[in-house]
N, C-alpha and C. Protein backbone atom coordinates (compact mmCIF):
# COMPACT_ATOMS: atom_id res chain seq x y z
N MET A 1 102.69 64.93 103.57
CA MET A 1 102.81 65.36 102.63
C MET A 1 103.47 64.76 101.21
N THR A 2 102.77 63.86 100.05
CA THR A 2 103.29 63.76 98.99
C THR A 2 104.44 65.02 97.74
N LYS A 3 105.18 64.72 97.90
CA LYS A 3 106.21 65.07 97.14
C LYS A 3 105.19 66.08 96.32
N ASP A 4 104.13 65.88 95.26
CA ASP A 4 103.44 66.33 94.08
C ASP A 4 102.70 67.24 95.38
N LYS A 5 102.03 67.53 96.14
CA LYS A 5 101.38 68.10 97.05
C LYS A 5 102.19 69.48 97.58
N LYS A 6 103.49 69.08 97.90
CA LYS A 6 103.99 69.59 99.09
C LYS A 6 104.49 70.85 97.29
N LEU A 7 104.52 70.34 96.22
CA LEU A 7 105.30 71.47 95.15
C LEU A 7 103.74 72.14 94.56
N GLU A 8 103.12 71.65 94.61
CA GLU A 8 100.97 72.13 94.80
C GLU A 8 102.00 73.30 95.58
N ALA A 9 101.78 73.28 96.50
CA ALA A 9 101.90 74.14 98.14
C ALA A 9 103.02 75.55 97.25
N THR A 10 103.55 75.53 97.01
CA THR A 10 104.80 76.05 97.28
C THR A 10 104.29 76.37 95.51
N ASN A 11 103.80 76.24 94.97
CA ASN A 11 103.80 76.53 93.31
C ASN A 11 102.00 77.75 93.24
N VAL A 12 101.60 77.65 94.37
CA VAL A 12 99.86 78.37 94.14
C VAL A 12 100.70 79.82 94.61
N ALA A 13 100.10 80.57 93.69
CA ALA A 13 100.06 82.54 93.61
C ALA A 13 100.41 82.58 94.75
N SER A 14 101.25 82.88 95.19
CA SER A 14 101.72 83.98 96.55
C SER A 14 100.91 86.01 96.26
N PRO A 15 100.18 85.96 97.31
CA PRO A 15 100.31 87.61 96.38
C PRO A 15 101.30 88.45 96.60
N ARG A 16 101.36 89.15 95.28
CA ARG A 16 102.36 90.19 94.96
C ARG A 16 102.07 91.87 95.28
N VAL A 17 102.88 92.29 95.55
CA VAL A 17 102.98 93.64 94.88
C VAL A 17 102.98 94.12 94.31
N LYS A 18 102.03 94.80 92.76
CA LYS A 18 102.12 94.88 91.61
C LYS A 18 102.86 96.91 91.22
N SER A 19 102.46 97.37 92.04
CA SER A 19 103.70 98.79 91.96
C SER A 19 102.41 99.36 93.28
N TRP A 20 103.27 100.75 93.57
CA TRP A 20 103.32 101.04 95.53
C TRP A 20 103.12 102.27 94.57
N ALA A 21 103.08 103.47 95.80
CA ALA A 21 103.45 104.98 95.13
C ALA A 21 103.34 105.17 97.05
N ILE A 22 104.02 106.53 97.06
CA ILE A 22 104.15 107.21 98.34
C ILE A 22 102.96 108.22 98.69
N VAL A 23 101.95 108.09 99.67
CA VAL A 23 100.67 108.26 99.54
C VAL A 23 101.27 109.37 100.78
N LEU A 24 100.94 111.34 100.61
CA LEU A 24 101.19 112.60 101.66
C LEU A 24 100.44 112.83 101.79
N GLU A 25 100.05 112.62 103.38
CA GLU A 25 98.75 113.84 103.80
C GLU A 25 98.97 114.88 104.41
N TRP A 26 98.78 115.75 103.84
CA TRP A 26 99.62 117.45 103.74
C TRP A 26 97.46 118.39 104.21
N GLU A 27 98.40 119.02 105.59
CA GLU A 27 97.78 119.89 106.81
C GLU A 27 97.34 121.24 106.43
N ARG A 28 96.93 121.56 106.21
CA ARG A 28 96.92 123.22 106.04
C ARG A 28 96.62 123.52 107.45
N PRO A 29 96.87 124.88 107.62
CA PRO A 29 96.61 125.63 108.93
C PRO A 29 95.56 125.56 109.29
N ASP A 30 95.02 125.72 108.16
CA ASP A 30 93.27 125.74 108.82
C ASP A 30 92.63 124.29 109.83
N GLY A 31 93.50 123.20 109.31
CA GLY A 31 92.51 121.53 109.91
C GLY A 31 92.45 121.44 108.95
N THR A 32 91.84 121.69 107.85
CA THR A 32 91.99 120.67 106.64
C THR A 32 93.04 120.23 105.74
N TRP A 33 92.84 118.91 104.80
CA TRP A 33 94.26 118.48 104.17
C TRP A 33 94.00 117.70 103.11
N TYR A 34 94.64 117.22 102.55
CA TYR A 34 94.42 116.86 100.90
C TYR A 34 95.71 115.46 101.38
N THR A 35 95.59 114.61 99.86
CA THR A 35 96.41 114.07 99.51
C THR A 35 97.01 114.27 98.67
N GLU A 36 98.34 113.28 98.89
CA GLU A 36 99.00 113.63 97.32
C GLU A 36 99.78 112.05 96.95
N THR A 37 99.56 111.40 96.03
CA THR A 37 100.31 110.43 96.01
C THR A 37 101.14 110.35 95.05
N LYS A 38 102.53 110.03 94.93
CA LYS A 38 104.39 110.48 94.86
C LYS A 38 104.22 109.12 93.82
N THR A 39 104.45 108.99 92.63
CA THR A 39 104.95 107.88 91.95
C THR A 39 106.87 108.03 91.26
N ASP A 40 106.49 108.45 90.84
CA ASP A 40 108.36 108.99 90.47
C ASP A 40 108.46 109.27 91.69
N ILE A 41 109.60 107.98 92.09
CA ILE A 41 110.56 108.64 93.25
C ILE A 41 111.53 108.31 93.02
N PRO A 42 112.24 108.97 93.35
CA PRO A 42 113.98 108.94 93.92
C PRO A 42 114.96 107.82 93.29
N ASN A 43 115.91 107.37 92.85
CA ASN A 43 116.51 105.73 93.03
C ASN A 43 116.74 105.27 94.85
N ARG A 44 117.32 106.06 95.14
CA ARG A 44 117.88 106.21 96.39
C ARG A 44 117.01 106.03 97.35
N VAL A 45 115.77 106.13 97.05
CA VAL A 45 114.54 105.89 97.69
C VAL A 45 113.93 105.09 97.79
N SER A 46 113.92 104.58 96.42
CA SER A 46 113.13 103.51 95.46
C SER A 46 114.08 101.87 96.09
N GLY A 47 114.97 102.36 96.10
CA GLY A 47 115.92 101.16 96.05
C GLY A 47 115.46 100.13 97.62
N GLN A 48 115.65 101.14 98.58
CA GLN A 48 114.85 100.71 100.33
C GLN A 48 113.94 100.17 100.28
N ILE A 49 112.87 100.68 99.61
CA ILE A 49 111.25 100.63 99.98
C ILE A 49 111.30 99.25 99.15
N ASP A 50 111.85 99.22 97.84
CA ASP A 50 111.59 98.22 97.11
C ASP A 50 111.84 96.99 97.97
N ASP A 51 113.58 96.84 98.60
CA ASP A 51 113.56 95.33 99.14
C ASP A 51 112.94 94.97 100.61
N TYR A 52 111.96 96.45 101.78
CA TYR A 52 111.05 96.01 102.16
C TYR A 52 110.40 95.51 101.93
N ILE A 53 109.70 96.31 100.67
CA ILE A 53 108.55 95.48 100.16
C ILE A 53 108.64 94.09 99.79
N THR A 54 110.21 93.49 99.33
CA THR A 54 109.84 92.29 99.31
C THR A 54 110.31 91.11 100.64
N GLU A 55 110.87 91.98 101.39
CA GLU A 55 111.25 91.01 102.54
C GLU A 55 109.56 91.22 102.93
N LEU A 56 108.67 91.72 102.82
CA LEU A 56 106.74 92.23 103.28
C LEU A 56 106.68 90.43 102.31
N GLU A 57 107.08 90.39 101.02
CA GLU A 57 106.16 89.77 100.28
C GLU A 57 106.59 87.90 100.36
N ASN A 58 108.00 88.61 100.75
CA ASN A 58 108.14 86.55 102.01
C ASN A 58 107.72 85.69 102.60
N GLU A 59 107.74 87.74 103.85
CA GLU A 59 106.84 86.62 104.63
C GLU A 59 105.57 86.66 104.61
N LYS A 60 104.99 87.22 103.59
CA LYS A 60 103.54 86.63 103.67
C LYS A 60 103.72 84.90 102.84
N LYS A 61 104.56 85.13 101.85
CA LYS A 61 104.80 84.00 101.65
C LYS A 61 104.78 82.48 102.45
N GLU A 62 106.04 82.60 103.49
CA GLU A 62 105.73 81.60 104.46
C GLU A 62 104.75 81.53 105.44
N CYS A 63 104.27 82.76 105.50
CA CYS A 63 103.09 82.12 107.00
C CYS A 63 101.71 81.53 105.25
N ARG A 64 102.16 81.94 104.60
CA ARG A 64 100.61 80.72 103.70
C ARG A 64 101.43 79.46 103.83
N LEU A 65 102.55 79.35 103.96
CA LEU A 65 103.60 77.89 103.11
C LEU A 65 103.07 76.60 104.49
N ALA A 66 103.61 78.35 106.17
CA ALA A 66 103.17 77.28 107.17
C ALA A 66 101.72 77.40 107.42
N SER A 67 100.70 77.47 107.13
CA SER A 67 99.40 77.73 107.14
C SER A 67 99.06 76.31 106.18
N PHE A 68 99.22 76.56 105.11
CA PHE A 68 99.21 74.83 104.59
C PHE A 68 99.59 73.59 105.20
N SER A 69 101.14 74.15 105.87
CA SER A 69 101.96 72.56 105.92
C SER A 69 101.23 72.10 107.36
N SER A 70 100.35 73.56 108.32
CA SER A 70 100.30 72.89 109.74
C SER A 70 98.40 72.12 109.32
N ARG A 71 98.41 72.19 107.70
CA ARG A 71 96.25 71.91 107.59
C ARG A 71 96.71 70.29 107.40
N LYS A 72 97.99 69.75 107.45
CA LYS A 72 97.95 68.44 106.54
C LYS A 72 97.43 67.02 107.31
């Protein structure tokens, strides 16, 4: 693979998480349920989730690069 092609492959936009929320599914005693979306997350929680999401993004990027490299 030429240097230009490799650079092109790494510059391809990888999917990135734009935003996230926590979705809670509440079950009532009668068996019915509803969902509640939380977007205001305390820093002590959101930092760990941000780190986890960054790991997921990096894994996805590595998979895309490996897939692109195997096509050459």
